Amino acid sequence: MARKVTGGCFLSLDGVMQAPGGPTEDTQGGFDEGGWMFKIWDPGIEQTLGALFSGDYDLLLGRRTYDIFAAYWPYAEEPENRPMRDAFDAANKYVLTRGDQPLEWQNSHRLAGIEDVARNKHSEGSDIIIQGSSTIYPDLLAAGLIDELVLMTFPVVLGQGKRLFGGGTPVDKFEMIDHRVTDQGTVIATYRPGGKLPPYPAEGPIGAKSEREAERQRKMAAGIW
């Protein structure tokens, strides 16, 4: 039986997931709104986080998210952080990376490509949670390796930053299987892949093409519209 792979994402309304945790978490691209999630912290998401990180689980991370986690969680001595620190220490951490840098955090394992992720998914072990790691989603979705997305969308627009559905994301449908809205307006929705987007229906509202529309189409095709 395959292991379940769930992506748990903190998002802005414009789809940004970069550096929700702190100002210095990830400043790539000149991103200067790091820590945005804690600027508007919503305790209404704690129920979802508790369910997501309950029981045994392993982590699937991109290399940069791994670097962020490995530099923080093993050293998180604050009493309120110790339960998550201990759970992350104990979890297998599968790092999808083409590099050969040392993975010194205990229970860390290198995955060189999507084929390795697929083999890992179909091996024995705990279910797998993805945290951060925006760049790995397009390939994972294209390969059909994600079973669920738990998207926590906060009522904020950031205007720039790394997004969940970046370049190379396949055209797919999703089925919403659960949703709720917190008192502060964070939308928590859980989706499963729902198959390919069907073609435009023959009975769709295309309408008759006027000469003006034909000219617009010609300009669009020529790149001058």
C-alpha atoms as a PDB file:
ATOM      1  CA  MET A   1       0.000   0.000   0.000  1.00  0.00           C
ATOM      2  CA  ALA A   2       1.389   3.404  -0.991  1.00  0.00           C
ATOM      3  CA  ARG A   3       2.257   5.994   1.601  1.00  0.00           C
ATOM      4  CA  LYS A   4       0.024   9.067   1.569  1.00  0.00           C
ATOM      5  CA  VAL A   5       1.770  12.282   0.505  1.00  0.00           C
ATOM      6  CA  THR A   6       0.184  15.512   1.773  1.00  0.00           C
ATOM      7  CA  GLY A   7       1.303  19.035   1.014  1.00  0.00           C
ATOM      8  CA  GLY A   8       0.524  21.449   3.843  1.00  0.00           C
ATOM      9  CA  CYS A   9       0.905  25.057   2.687  1.00  0.00           C
ATOM     10  CA  PHE A  10       0.568  28.504   4.217  1.00  0.00           C
ATOM     11  CA  LEU A  11      -0.518  30.882   1.443  1.00  0.00           C
ATOM     12  CA  SER A  12      -1.411  34.509   0.860  1.00  0.00           C
ATOM     13  CA  LEU A  13      -4.448  35.400  -1.234  1.00  0.00           C
ATOM     14  CA  ASP A  14      -2.146  35.895  -4.234  1.00  0.00           C
ATOM     15  CA  GLY A  15      -0.633  32.448  -3.772  1.00  0.00           C
ATOM     16  CA  VAL A  16       2.685  33.407  -2.140  1.00  0.00           C
ATOM     17  CA  MET A  17       4.184  30.843   0.237  1.00  0.00           C
ATOM     18  CA  GLN A  18       7.670  32.310   0.694  1.00  0.00           C
ATOM     19  CA  ALA A  19       9.085  32.789   4.192  1.00  0.00           C
ATOM     20  CA  PRO A  20       5.936  32.678   6.329  1.00  0.00           C
ATOM     21  CA  GLY A  21       7.924  32.046   9.500  1.00  0.00           C
ATOM     22  CA  GLY A  22      10.429  34.882   9.945  1.00  0.00           C
ATOM     23  CA  PRO A  23      12.057  37.977   8.428  1.00  0.00           C
ATOM     24  CA  THR A  24      15.334  36.196   7.587  1.00  0.00           C
ATOM     25  CA  GLU A  25      13.840  32.851   6.563  1.00  0.00           C
ATOM     26  CA  ASP A  26      14.132  33.392   2.788  1.00  0.00           C
ATOM     27  CA  THR A  27      14.955  36.771   1.249  1.00  0.00           C
ATOM     28  CA  GLN A  28      15.573  35.462  -2.272  1.00  0.00           C
ATOM     29  CA  GLY A  29      14.290  37.748  -4.999  1.00  0.00           C
ATOM     30  CA  GLY A  30      14.367  40.704  -2.612  1.00  0.00           C
ATOM     31  CA  PHE A  31      11.436  39.337  -0.631  1.00  0.00           C
ATOM     32  CA  ASP A  32      11.061  41.604   2.401  1.00  0.00           C
ATOM     33  CA  GLU A  33       7.803  40.380   3.965  1.00  0.00           C
ATOM     34  CA  GLY A  34       9.287  37.361   5.723  1.00  0.00           C
ATOM     35  CA  GLY A  35       7.326  36.320   8.781  1.00  0.00           C
ATOM     36  CA  TRP A  36       4.060  37.500   7.248  1.00  0.00           C
ATOM     37  CA  MET A  37       2.097  34.636   8.784  1.00  0.00           C
ATOM     38  CA  PHE A  38       3.064  35.643  12.316  1.00  0.00           C
ATOM     39  CA  LYS A  39       2.285  39.288  11.648  1.00  0.00           C
ATOM     40  CA  ILE A  40      -1.356  38.198  11.357  1.00  0.00           C
ATOM     41  CA  TRP A  41      -1.234  34.958  13.327  1.00  0.00           C
ATOM     42  CA  ASP A  42      -4.532  33.108  13.305  1.00  0.00           C
ATOM     43  CA  PRO A  43      -5.065  30.661  16.197  1.00  0.00           C
ATOM     44  CA  GLY A  44      -7.892  29.171  14.143  1.00  0.00           C
ATOM     45  CA  ILE A  45      -5.361  27.163  12.114  1.00  0.00           C
ATOM     46  CA  GLU A  46      -4.031  25.328  15.169  1.00  0.00           C
ATOM     47  CA  GLN A  47      -6.680  22.607  14.927  1.00  0.00           C
ATOM     48  CA  THR A  48      -5.628  21.878  11.349  1.00  0.00           C
ATOM     49  CA  LEU A  49      -1.941  21.884  12.223  1.00  0.00           C
ATOM     50  CA  GLY A  50      -2.585  19.544  15.143  1.00  0.00           C
ATOM     51  CA  ALA A  51      -4.342  17.059  12.873  1.00  0.00           C
ATOM     52  CA  LEU A  52      -1.717  17.386  10.133  1.00  0.00           C
ATOM     53  CA  PHE A  53       1.192  16.690  12.469  1.00  0.00           C
ATOM     54  CA  SER A  54      -0.416  14.083  14.695  1.00  0.00           C
ATOM     55  CA  GLY A  55       0.919  10.554  14.884  1.00  0.00           C
ATOM     56  CA  ASP A  56       3.939   9.282  12.969  1.00  0.00           C
ATOM     57  CA  TYR A  57       4.981  10.995   9.761  1.00  0.00           C
ATOM     58  CA  ASP A  58       8.000  11.633   7.578  1.00  0.00           C
ATOM     59  CA  LEU A  59       8.892  14.864   5.811  1.00  0.00           C
ATOM     60  CA  LEU A  60       9.557  15.548   2.139  1.00  0.00           C
ATOM     61  CA  LEU A  61      11.512  18.770   1.623  1.00  0.00           C
ATOM     62  CA  GLY A  62      13.251  20.711  -1.090  1.00  0.00           C
ATOM     63  CA  ARG A  63      16.882  21.536  -0.418  1.00  0.00           C
ATOM     64  CA  ARG A  64      16.336  25.156   0.635  1.00  0.00           C
ATOM     65  CA  THR A  65      13.504  24.313   3.028  1.00  0.00           C
ATOM     66  CA  TYR A  66      15.694  21.551   4.447  1.00  0.00           C
ATOM     67  CA  ASP A  67      18.472  24.089   5.036  1.00  0.00           C
ATOM     68  CA  ILE A  68      16.025  26.403   6.833  1.00  0.00           C
ATOM     69  CA  PHE A  69      14.647  23.620   9.021  1.00  0.00           C
ATOM     70  CA  ALA A  70      18.042  22.039   9.767  1.00  0.00           C
ATOM     71  CA  ALA A  71      19.432  25.382  10.940  1.00  0.00           C
ATOM     72  CA  TYR A  72      16.486  26.011  13.251  1.00  0.00           C
ATOM     73  CA  TRP A  73      14.626  23.009  14.607  1.00  0.00           C
ATOM     74  CA  PRO A  74      17.495  20.964  16.124  1.00  0.00           C
ATOM     75  CA  TYR A  75      18.394  24.048  18.166  1.00  0.00           C
ATOM     76  CA  ALA A  76      14.869  25.053  19.234  1.00  0.00           C
ATOM     77  CA  GLU A  77      15.175  24.807  23.018  1.00  0.00           C
ATOM     78  CA  GLU A  78      12.109  26.866  23.948  1.00  0.00           C
ATOM     79  CA  PRO A  79       9.581  24.739  25.868  1.00  0.00           C
ATOM     80  CA  GLU A  80       6.783  25.537  23.418  1.00  0.00           C
ATOM     81  CA  ASN A  81       8.939  24.367  20.483  1.00  0.00           C
ATOM     82  CA  ARG A  82      10.275  21.136  21.964  1.00  0.00           C
ATOM     83  CA  PRO A  83       7.381  18.844  20.923  1.00  0.00           C
ATOM     84  CA  MET A  84       7.728  19.876  17.259  1.00  0.00           C
ATOM     85  CA  ARG A  85      11.522  19.785  17.482  1.00  0.00           C
ATOM     86  CA  ASP A  86      11.494  16.248  18.853  1.00  0.00           C
ATOM     87  CA  ALA A  87       8.975  15.086  16.253  1.00  0.00           C
ATOM     88  CA  PHE A  88      10.999  16.602  13.400  1.00  0.00           C
ATOM     89  CA  ASP A  89      14.208  15.080  14.797  1.00  0.00           C
ATOM     90  CA  ALA A  90      12.601  11.641  14.876  1.00  0.00           C
ATOM     91  CA  ALA A  91      10.986  11.856  11.437  1.00  0.00           C
ATOM     92  CA  ASN A  92      12.743  10.663   8.332  1.00  0.00           C
ATOM     93  CA  LYS A  93      13.527  13.740   6.271  1.00  0.00           C
ATOM     94  CA  TYR A  94      13.625  13.037   2.544  1.00  0.00           C
ATOM     95  CA  VAL A  95      15.409  15.834   0.704  1.00  0.00           C
ATOM     96  CA  LEU A  96      14.752  16.206  -3.009  1.00  0.00           C
ATOM     97  CA  THR A  97      17.987  17.686  -4.328  1.00  0.00           C
ATOM     98  CA  ARG A  98      20.391  17.362  -7.244  1.00  0.00           C
ATOM     99  CA  GLY A  99      23.285  18.505  -5.051  1.00  0.00           C
ATOM    100  CA  ASP A 100      25.681  16.440  -2.969  1.00  0.00           C
ATOM    101  CA  GLN A 101      25.902  18.691   0.086  1.00  0.00           C
ATOM    102  CA  PRO A 102      26.047  16.893   3.452  1.00  0.00           C
ATOM    103  CA  LEU A 103      22.696  16.230   5.117  1.00  0.00           C
ATOM    104  CA  GLU A 104      23.837  16.309   8.717  1.00  0.00           C
ATOM    105  CA  TRP A 105      20.491  16.481  10.520  1.00  0.00           C
ATOM    106  CA  GLN A 106      19.695  13.063  11.946  1.00  0.00           C
ATOM    107  CA  ASN A 107      17.446  10.769   9.888  1.00  0.00           C
ATOM    108  CA  SER A 108      18.009  12.760   6.675  1.00  0.00           C
ATOM    109  CA  HIS A 109      18.009  11.005   3.301  1.00  0.00           C
ATOM    110  CA  ARG A 110      18.829  12.288  -0.168  1.00  0.00           C
ATOM    111  CA  LEU A 111      16.402  11.791  -3.065  1.00  0.00           C
ATOM    112  CA  ALA A 112      18.025  12.638  -6.395  1.00  0.00           C
ATOM    113  CA  GLY A 113      14.891  12.877  -8.508  1.00  0.00           C
ATOM    114  CA  ILE A 114      11.177  12.279  -8.918  1.00  0.00           C
ATOM    115  CA  GLU A 115      11.785   8.575  -9.553  1.00  0.00           C
ATOM    116  CA  ASP A 116      13.271   8.295  -6.071  1.00  0.00           C
ATOM    117  CA  VAL A 117      10.205  10.032  -4.605  1.00  0.00           C
ATOM    118  CA  ALA A 118       7.953   7.545  -6.409  1.00  0.00           C
ATOM    119  CA  ARG A 119       9.912   4.569  -5.086  1.00  0.00           C
ATOM    120  CA  ASN A 120       9.830   6.043  -1.604  1.00  0.00           C
ATOM    121  CA  LYS A 121       6.064   6.622  -1.773  1.00  0.00           C
ATOM    122  CA  HIS A 122       5.512   2.967  -2.634  1.00  0.00           C
ATOM    123  CA  SER A 123       7.801   1.664   0.113  1.00  0.00           C
ATOM    124  CA  GLU A 124       6.934   0.729   3.681  1.00  0.00           C
ATOM    125  CA  GLY A 125       6.810   3.576   6.145  1.00  0.00           C
ATOM    126  CA  SER A 126       4.866   6.468   7.599  1.00  0.00           C
ATOM    127  CA  ASP A 127       2.788   8.874   5.582  1.00  0.00           C
ATOM    128  CA  ILE A 128       4.686  11.866   4.241  1.00  0.00           C
ATOM    129  CA  ILE A 129       4.111  15.600   4.750  1.00  0.00           C
ATOM    130  CA  ILE A 130       5.581  18.303   2.514  1.00  0.00           C
ATOM    131  CA  GLN A 131       6.458  21.594   4.165  1.00  0.00           C
ATOM    132  CA  GLY A 132       7.517  24.709   2.248  1.00  0.00           C
ATOM    133  CA  SER A 133       9.467  23.570  -0.810  1.00  0.00           C
ATOM    134  CA  SER A 134       7.593  25.510  -3.478  1.00  0.00           C
ATOM    135  CA  THR A 135       9.885  24.401  -6.303  1.00  0.00           C
ATOM    136  CA  ILE A 136       9.139  20.676  -5.949  1.00  0.00           C
ATOM    137  CA  TYR A 137       5.363  20.899  -6.392  1.00  0.00           C
ATOM    138  CA  PRO A 138       5.140  21.165 -10.212  1.00  0.00           C
ATOM    139  CA  ASP A 139       7.114  17.950 -10.795  1.00  0.00           C
ATOM    140  CA  LEU A 140       5.358  16.074  -7.985  1.00  0.00           C
ATOM    141  CA  LEU A 141       1.935  17.053  -9.342  1.00  0.00           C
ATOM    142  CA  ALA A 142       2.929  16.150 -12.893  1.00  0.00           C
ATOM    143  CA  ALA A 143       4.033  12.716 -11.686  1.00  0.00           C
ATOM    144  CA  GLY A 144       0.824  12.150  -9.702  1.00  0.00           C
ATOM    145  CA  LEU A 145       2.687  11.790  -6.424  1.00  0.00           C
ATOM    146  CA  ILE A 146       0.608  14.135  -4.236  1.00  0.00           C
ATOM    147  CA  ASP A 147      -2.515  12.694  -2.641  1.00  0.00           C
ATOM    148  CA  GLU A 148      -3.826  15.769  -0.831  1.00  0.00           C
ATOM    149  CA  LEU A 149      -3.193  19.489  -0.536  1.00  0.00           C
ATOM    150  CA  VAL A 150      -4.092  21.256   2.699  1.00  0.00           C
ATOM    151  CA  LEU A 151      -4.064  24.950   1.831  1.00  0.00           C
ATOM    152  CA  MET A 152      -4.293  27.551   4.593  1.00  0.00           C
ATOM    153  CA  THR A 153      -4.939  30.826   2.786  1.00  0.00           C
ATOM    154  CA  PHE A 154      -4.569  33.922   4.942  1.00  0.00           C
ATOM    155  CA  PRO A 155      -6.401  37.191   4.173  1.00  0.00           C
ATOM    156  CA  VAL A 156      -3.311  39.085   3.020  1.00  0.00           C
ATOM    157  CA  VAL A 157      -1.842  40.046  -0.369  1.00  0.00           C
ATOM    158  CA  LEU A 158       1.969  40.130  -0.621  1.00  0.00           C
ATOM    159  CA  GLY A 159       2.485  41.126  -4.238  1.00  0.00           C
ATOM    160  CA  GLN A 160       5.707  39.192  -4.778  1.00  0.00           C
ATOM    161  CA  GLY A 161       7.420  36.012  -3.706  1.00  0.00           C
ATOM    162  CA  LYS A 162       7.594  32.298  -4.446  1.00  0.00           C
ATOM    163  CA  ARG A 163       4.253  30.748  -5.259  1.00  0.00           C
ATOM    164  CA  LEU A 164       2.866  27.265  -4.779  1.00  0.00           C
ATOM    165  CA  PHE A 165       1.912  26.714  -8.408  1.00  0.00           C
ATOM    166  CA  GLY A 166       4.993  27.869 -10.292  1.00  0.00           C
ATOM    167  CA  GLY A 167       6.209  27.255 -13.804  1.00  0.00           C
ATOM    168  CA  GLY A 168       5.717  23.713 -15.067  1.00  0.00           C
ATOM    169  CA  THR A 169       2.626  23.028 -12.959  1.00  0.00           C
ATOM    170  CA  PRO A 170       0.368  20.704 -14.995  1.00  0.00           C
ATOM    171  CA  VAL A 171      -3.191  21.594 -15.973  1.00  0.00           C
ATOM    172  CA  ASP A 172      -5.366  19.528 -13.615  1.00  0.00           C
ATOM    173  CA  LYS A 173      -8.644  19.616 -11.744  1.00  0.00           C
ATOM    174  CA  PHE A 174      -8.903  19.236  -7.982  1.00  0.00           C
ATOM    175  CA  GLU A 175     -11.720  17.986  -5.801  1.00  0.00           C
ATOM    176  CA  MET A 176     -12.366  19.827  -2.540  1.00  0.00           C
ATOM    177  CA  ILE A 177     -12.981  17.281   0.211  1.00  0.00           C
ATOM    178  CA  ASP A 178     -13.062  19.570   3.245  1.00  0.00           C
ATOM    179  CA  HIS A 179     -13.095  23.278   4.036  1.00  0.00           C
ATOM    180  CA  ARG A 180     -13.699  25.773   6.792  1.00  0.00           C
ATOM    181  CA  VAL A 181     -13.110  29.451   7.461  1.00  0.00           C
ATOM    182  CA  THR A 182     -11.608  30.652  10.745  1.00  0.00           C
ATOM    183  CA  ASP A 183     -13.008  33.585  12.684  1.00  0.00           C
ATOM    184  CA  GLN A 184     -10.140  35.710  11.341  1.00  0.00           C
ATOM    185  CA  GLY A 185     -10.900  34.800   7.750  1.00  0.00           C
ATOM    186  CA  THR A 186      -8.251  32.197   6.960  1.00  0.00           C
ATOM    187  CA  VAL A 187      -9.653  29.701   4.453  1.00  0.00           C
ATOM    188  CA  ILE A 188      -8.546  26.131   5.136  1.00  0.00           C
ATOM    189  CA  ALA A 189      -9.330  23.848   2.212  1.00  0.00           C
ATOM    190  CA  THR A 190      -8.280  20.276   1.511  1.00  0.00           C
ATOM    191  CA  TYR A 191      -8.085  19.061  -2.086  1.00  0.00           C
ATOM    192  CA  ARG A 192      -7.451  15.791  -3.887  1.00  0.00           C
ATOM    193  CA  PRO A 193      -6.335  15.532  -7.504  1.00  0.00           C
ATOM    194  CA  GLY A 194      -9.416  15.290  -9.695  1.00  0.00           C
ATOM    195  CA  GLY A 195      -8.073  14.337 -13.114  1.00  0.00           C
ATOM    196  CA  LYS A 196      -7.396  16.254 -16.278  1.00  0.00           C
ATOM    197  CA  LEU A 197      -9.284  19.375 -17.266  1.00  0.00           C
ATOM    198  CA  PRO A 198     -11.825  18.370 -19.958  1.00  0.00           C
ATOM    199  CA  PRO A 199     -11.952  20.098 -23.347  1.00  0.00           C
ATOM    200  CA  TYR A 200     -14.125  23.142 -23.905  1.00  0.00           C
ATOM    201  CA  PRO A 201     -17.713  21.930 -24.435  1.00  0.00           C
ATOM    202  CA  ALA A 202     -19.153  22.036 -27.947  1.00  0.00           C
ATOM    203  CA  GLU A 203     -22.252  23.756 -26.535  1.00  0.00           C
ATOM    204  CA  GLY A 204     -20.199  26.399 -24.701  1.00  0.00           C
ATOM    205  CA  PRO A 205     -21.038  30.095 -25.036  1.00  0.00           C
ATOM    206  CA  ILE A 206     -18.613  30.818 -27.863  1.00  0.00           C
ATOM    207  CA  GLY A 207     -21.042  32.970 -29.831  1.00  0.00           C
ATOM    208  CA  ALA A 208     -20.901  34.020 -33.436  1.00  0.00           C
ATOM    209  CA  LYS A 209     -17.616  35.494 -34.686  1.00  0.00           C
ATOM    210  CA  SER A 210     -18.003  39.037 -35.962  1.00  0.00           C
ATOM    211  CA  GLU A 211     -15.558  40.631 -38.354  1.00  0.00           C
ATOM    212  CA  ARG A 212     -14.259  42.626 -35.405  1.00  0.00           C
ATOM    213  CA  GLU A 213     -13.653  39.417 -33.427  1.00  0.00           C
ATOM    214  CA  ALA A 214     -11.891  37.852 -36.408  1.00  0.00           C
ATOM    215  CA  GLU A 215      -9.560  40.855 -36.532  1.00  0.00           C
ATOM    216  CA  ARG A 216      -8.921  40.592 -32.790  1.00  0.00           C
ATOM    217  CA  GLN A 217      -8.033  36.915 -33.191  1.00  0.00           C
ATOM    218  CA  ARG A 218      -5.655  37.761 -36.036  1.00  0.00           C
ATOM    219  CA  LYS A 219      -3.842  40.359 -33.896  1.00  0.00           C
ATOM    220  CA  MET A 220      -3.678  37.969 -30.941  1.00  0.00           C
ATOM    221  CA  ALA A 221      -2.133  35.240 -33.113  1.00  0.00           C
ATOM    222  CA  ALA A 222       0.385  37.757 -34.494  1.00  0.00           C
ATOM    223  CA  GLY A 223       1.335  38.954 -31.012  1.00  0.00           C
ATOM    224  CA  ILE A 224       0.238  42.548 -31.639  1.00  0.00           C
ATOM    225  CA  TRP A 225      -3.051  42.586 -29.695  1.00  0.00           C
END
